[in-house]
């Protein structure tokens, strides 16, 4: 029977649930499992550690503390940007998630948390930073 190890290609269903039981993300909701290769960066190291050693067909659940899931919020990831930098295609409204160009050219999502005068506060922390989560998995197939 196949077992998940470093570099395995894994097809699995998963759900990430918050402490209140609400679902933050789920492949079940999308109707198809996710395919990824261990170590490709699509899951954090701690999420991958939960999967190592699981067999094909396994169903399991892992509770992760905030620092083991999406980390703790970092105050350095909160920025204040001039209101004039926003436009009709990306309005500065509290709750909006806007993609900003990062230093490496990749888009970085930021959540607008406040608009005061000409200053817009944007939080670039992961939306689940600081939250404990339950990681539920169902391994569909494994290619080593």
C-alpha atoms as a PDB file:
ATOM      1  CA  UNK A   1       0.000   0.000   0.000  1.00  0.00           C
ATOM      2  CA  UNK A   2       1.280   3.482  -0.868  1.00  0.00           C
ATOM      3  CA  UNK A   3       2.391   5.769   1.942  1.00  0.00           C
ATOM      4  CA  UNK A   4       2.934   9.551   1.764  1.00  0.00           C
ATOM      5  CA  UNK A   5       6.604  10.479   1.956  1.00  0.00           C
ATOM      6  CA  UNK A   6       8.814  13.355   0.787  1.00  0.00           C
ATOM      7  CA  UNK A   7       8.179  14.094  -2.920  1.00  0.00           C
ATOM      8  CA  UNK A   8       5.001  11.953  -3.081  1.00  0.00           C
ATOM      9  CA  UNK A   9       2.313  13.238  -5.419  1.00  0.00           C
ATOM     10  CA  UNK A  10      -0.890  13.234  -3.379  1.00  0.00           C
ATOM     11  CA  UNK A  11      -4.524  13.483  -4.451  1.00  0.00           C
ATOM     12  CA  UNK A  12      -6.654  14.268  -1.421  1.00  0.00           C
ATOM     13  CA  UNK A  13      -9.725  15.933  -0.097  1.00  0.00           C
ATOM     14  CA  UNK A  14      -9.185  18.321   2.774  1.00  0.00           C
ATOM     15  CA  UNK A  15     -11.008  20.812   4.935  1.00  0.00           C
ATOM     16  CA  UNK A  16      -9.591  23.540   7.143  1.00  0.00           C
ATOM     17  CA  UNK A  17     -11.936  24.318  10.008  1.00  0.00           C
ATOM     18  CA  UNK A  18     -11.781  27.116  12.547  1.00  0.00           C
ATOM     19  CA  UNK A  19     -12.302  26.739  16.286  1.00  0.00           C
ATOM     20  CA  UNK A  20     -15.986  27.675  15.957  1.00  0.00           C
ATOM     21  CA  UNK A  21     -16.483  24.784  13.494  1.00  0.00           C
ATOM     22  CA  UNK A  22     -16.846  26.986  10.419  1.00  0.00           C
ATOM     23  CA  UNK A  23     -15.044  25.855   7.269  1.00  0.00           C
ATOM     24  CA  UNK A  24     -12.357  28.211   5.953  1.00  0.00           C
ATOM     25  CA  UNK A  25     -11.493  26.077   2.925  1.00  0.00           C
ATOM     26  CA  UNK A  26     -12.636  22.724   1.595  1.00  0.00           C
ATOM     27  CA  UNK A  27     -12.102  20.643  -1.500  1.00  0.00           C
ATOM     28  CA  UNK A  28     -15.392  18.916  -0.705  1.00  0.00           C
ATOM     29  CA  UNK A  29     -17.174  22.230  -1.346  1.00  0.00           C
ATOM     30  CA  UNK A  30     -15.433  22.465  -4.736  1.00  0.00           C
ATOM     31  CA  UNK A  31     -16.439  18.908  -5.580  1.00  0.00           C
ATOM     32  CA  UNK A  32     -12.980  17.612  -6.462  1.00  0.00           C
ATOM     33  CA  UNK A  33      -9.848  16.650  -4.536  1.00  0.00           C
ATOM     34  CA  UNK A  34      -6.612  18.642  -4.671  1.00  0.00           C
ATOM     35  CA  UNK A  35      -3.465  17.311  -6.334  1.00  0.00           C
ATOM     36  CA  UNK A  36      -0.070  18.422  -5.099  1.00  0.00           C
ATOM     37  CA  UNK A  37       3.489  17.182  -4.645  1.00  0.00           C
ATOM     38  CA  UNK A  38       4.962  17.092  -1.149  1.00  0.00           C
ATOM     39  CA  UNK A  39       7.545  19.853  -0.856  1.00  0.00           C
ATOM     40  CA  UNK A  40       6.180  21.956  -3.740  1.00  0.00           C
ATOM     41  CA  UNK A  41       5.225  24.823  -1.406  1.00  0.00           C
ATOM     42  CA  UNK A  42       1.461  24.533  -1.826  1.00  0.00           C
ATOM     43  CA  UNK A  43       1.152  23.433   1.823  1.00  0.00           C
ATOM     44  CA  UNK A  44       3.157  24.711   4.774  1.00  0.00           C
ATOM     45  CA  UNK A  45       5.781  22.438   6.333  1.00  0.00           C
ATOM     46  CA  UNK A  46       3.564  21.773   9.351  1.00  0.00           C
ATOM     47  CA  UNK A  47       0.593  20.752   7.189  1.00  0.00           C
ATOM     48  CA  UNK A  48       2.886  18.413   5.230  1.00  0.00           C
ATOM     49  CA  UNK A  49       4.252  16.878   8.454  1.00  0.00           C
ATOM     50  CA  UNK A  50       0.669  15.867   9.308  1.00  0.00           C
ATOM     51  CA  UNK A  51       0.454  13.922   6.040  1.00  0.00           C
ATOM     52  CA  UNK A  52       3.754  12.021   6.191  1.00  0.00           C
ATOM     53  CA  UNK A  53       3.157   8.322   6.719  1.00  0.00           C
ATOM     54  CA  UNK A  54      -0.553   8.349   5.864  1.00  0.00           C
ATOM     55  CA  UNK A  55      -1.759   5.507   3.620  1.00  0.00           C
ATOM     56  CA  UNK A  56      -3.932   5.701   0.531  1.00  0.00           C
ATOM     57  CA  UNK A  57      -7.558   5.806   1.718  1.00  0.00           C
ATOM     58  CA  UNK A  58      -6.645   7.221   5.143  1.00  0.00           C
ATOM     59  CA  UNK A  59      -8.924   9.761   6.807  1.00  0.00           C
ATOM     60  CA  UNK A  60      -7.468  11.799   9.633  1.00  0.00           C
ATOM     61  CA  UNK A  61      -7.847  15.052  11.526  1.00  0.00           C
ATOM     62  CA  UNK A  62      -5.108  17.241  13.012  1.00  0.00           C
ATOM     63  CA  UNK A  63      -5.470  20.189  15.361  1.00  0.00           C
ATOM     64  CA  UNK A  64      -2.858  22.855  14.731  1.00  0.00           C
ATOM     65  CA  UNK A  65      -1.992  25.799  16.969  1.00  0.00           C
ATOM     66  CA  UNK A  66      -1.772  29.182  15.195  1.00  0.00           C
ATOM     67  CA  UNK A  67       2.036  29.085  15.053  1.00  0.00           C
ATOM     68  CA  UNK A  68       1.877  25.623  13.432  1.00  0.00           C
ATOM     69  CA  UNK A  69      -0.821  26.561  10.918  1.00  0.00           C
ATOM     70  CA  UNK A  70      -0.679  30.035   9.355  1.00  0.00           C
ATOM     71  CA  UNK A  71       1.512  31.726  11.944  1.00  0.00           C
ATOM     72  CA  UNK A  72       0.844  34.640  14.223  1.00  0.00           C
ATOM     73  CA  UNK A  73      -0.049  38.074  12.840  1.00  0.00           C
ATOM     74  CA  UNK A  74       3.055  40.165  12.194  1.00  0.00           C
ATOM     75  CA  UNK A  75       2.633  43.921  12.814  1.00  0.00           C
ATOM     76  CA  UNK A  76       5.249  44.547  10.089  1.00  0.00           C
ATOM     77  CA  UNK A  77       2.722  43.160   7.568  1.00  0.00           C
ATOM     78  CA  UNK A  78       0.303  46.025   8.219  1.00  0.00           C
ATOM     79  CA  UNK A  79       0.875  48.981   5.906  1.00  0.00           C
ATOM     80  CA  UNK A  80      -0.612  52.422   5.455  1.00  0.00           C
ATOM     81  CA  UNK A  81      -1.119  53.444   1.831  1.00  0.00           C
ATOM     82  CA  UNK A  82      -2.313  56.746   0.392  1.00  0.00           C
ATOM     83  CA  UNK A  83      -5.964  56.734  -0.629  1.00  0.00           C
ATOM     84  CA  UNK A  84      -4.967  58.239  -4.011  1.00  0.00           C
ATOM     85  CA  UNK A  85      -3.271  54.898  -4.903  1.00  0.00           C
ATOM     86  CA  UNK A  86      -6.698  53.219  -5.115  1.00  0.00           C
ATOM     87  CA  UNK A  87      -9.149  53.511  -8.000  1.00  0.00           C
ATOM     88  CA  UNK A  88     -12.558  52.387  -9.223  1.00  0.00           C
ATOM     89  CA  UNK A  89     -11.214  48.943 -10.211  1.00  0.00           C
ATOM     90  CA  UNK A  90      -9.862  48.375  -6.671  1.00  0.00           C
ATOM     91  CA  UNK A  91     -11.769  50.655  -4.283  1.00  0.00           C
ATOM     92  CA  UNK A  92     -10.461  51.322  -0.785  1.00  0.00           C
ATOM     93  CA  UNK A  93     -13.352  49.851   1.178  1.00  0.00           C
ATOM     94  CA  UNK A  94     -12.993  48.025   4.494  1.00  0.00           C
ATOM     95  CA  UNK A  95     -13.137  44.266   3.936  1.00  0.00           C
ATOM     96  CA  UNK A  96     -11.980  44.356   0.315  1.00  0.00           C
ATOM     97  CA  UNK A  97      -9.148  42.006  -0.581  1.00  0.00           C
ATOM     98  CA  UNK A  98      -6.870  43.538  -3.180  1.00  0.00           C
ATOM     99  CA  UNK A  99      -3.841  42.056  -4.942  1.00  0.00           C
ATOM    100  CA  UNK A 100      -0.735  44.214  -4.682  1.00  0.00           C
ATOM    101  CA  UNK A 101       2.494  43.648  -6.622  1.00  0.00           C
ATOM    102  CA  UNK A 102       5.132  42.272  -4.271  1.00  0.00           C
ATOM    103  CA  UNK A 103       8.870  42.954  -4.507  1.00  0.00           C
ATOM    104  CA  UNK A 104       9.391  39.652  -6.339  1.00  0.00           C
ATOM    105  CA  UNK A 105       6.698  40.490  -8.931  1.00  0.00           C
ATOM    106  CA  UNK A 106       4.135  38.074  -7.484  1.00  0.00           C
ATOM    107  CA  UNK A 107       0.769  39.361  -6.306  1.00  0.00           C
ATOM    108  CA  UNK A 108       0.270  39.608  -2.556  1.00  0.00           C
ATOM    109  CA  UNK A 109      -3.297  39.813  -1.249  1.00  0.00           C
ATOM    110  CA  UNK A 110      -4.023  42.507   1.307  1.00  0.00           C
ATOM    111  CA  UNK A 111      -7.191  43.070   3.307  1.00  0.00           C
ATOM    112  CA  UNK A 112      -8.292  46.659   3.802  1.00  0.00           C
ATOM    113  CA  UNK A 113      -8.941  47.050   7.521  1.00  0.00           C
ATOM    114  CA  UNK A 114      -9.439  50.827   7.819  1.00  0.00           C
ATOM    115  CA  UNK A 115      -9.838  53.997   5.785  1.00  0.00           C
ATOM    116  CA  UNK A 116      -9.171  57.187   7.742  1.00  0.00           C
ATOM    117  CA  UNK A 117      -8.873  60.454   5.830  1.00  0.00           C
ATOM    118  CA  UNK A 118      -6.282  59.927   3.078  1.00  0.00           C
ATOM    119  CA  UNK A 119      -4.776  56.814   4.714  1.00  0.00           C
ATOM    120  CA  UNK A 120      -5.770  53.232   3.952  1.00  0.00           C
ATOM    121  CA  UNK A 121      -4.652  50.473   6.329  1.00  0.00           C
ATOM    122  CA  UNK A 122      -3.867  47.203   4.533  1.00  0.00           C
ATOM    123  CA  UNK A 123      -3.160  43.942   6.377  1.00  0.00           C
ATOM    124  CA  UNK A 124      -0.904  41.552   4.427  1.00  0.00           C
ATOM    125  CA  UNK A 125      -0.985  38.810   7.087  1.00  0.00           C
ATOM    126  CA  UNK A 126      -2.623  35.544   6.056  1.00  0.00           C
ATOM    127  CA  UNK A 127      -6.369  35.841   6.813  1.00  0.00           C
ATOM    128  CA  UNK A 128      -6.092  32.827   9.146  1.00  0.00           C
ATOM    129  CA  UNK A 129      -2.966  34.078  10.968  1.00  0.00           C
ATOM    130  CA  UNK A 130      -3.395  33.797  14.714  1.00  0.00           C
ATOM    131  CA  UNK A 131      -6.101  31.140  14.510  1.00  0.00           C
ATOM    132  CA  UNK A 132      -5.977  27.517  15.604  1.00  0.00           C
ATOM    133  CA  UNK A 133      -7.361  25.215  12.910  1.00  0.00           C
ATOM    134  CA  UNK A 134      -8.407  21.626  12.414  1.00  0.00           C
ATOM    135  CA  UNK A 135      -6.966  20.073   9.252  1.00  0.00           C
ATOM    136  CA  UNK A 136      -9.126  17.174   8.034  1.00  0.00           C
ATOM    137  CA  UNK A 137      -7.810  14.986   5.230  1.00  0.00           C
ATOM    138  CA  UNK A 138      -8.927  12.057   3.116  1.00  0.00           C
ATOM    139  CA  UNK A 139      -6.126  10.596   0.997  1.00  0.00           C
ATOM    140  CA  UNK A 140      -7.504   9.517  -2.402  1.00  0.00           C
ATOM    141  CA  UNK A 141      -4.279   8.367  -4.079  1.00  0.00           C
ATOM    142  CA  UNK A 142      -0.504   8.528  -3.733  1.00  0.00           C
ATOM    143  CA  UNK A 143       2.152   8.391  -6.444  1.00  0.00           C
ATOM    144  CA  UNK A 144       5.665   7.991  -5.029  1.00  0.00           C
END
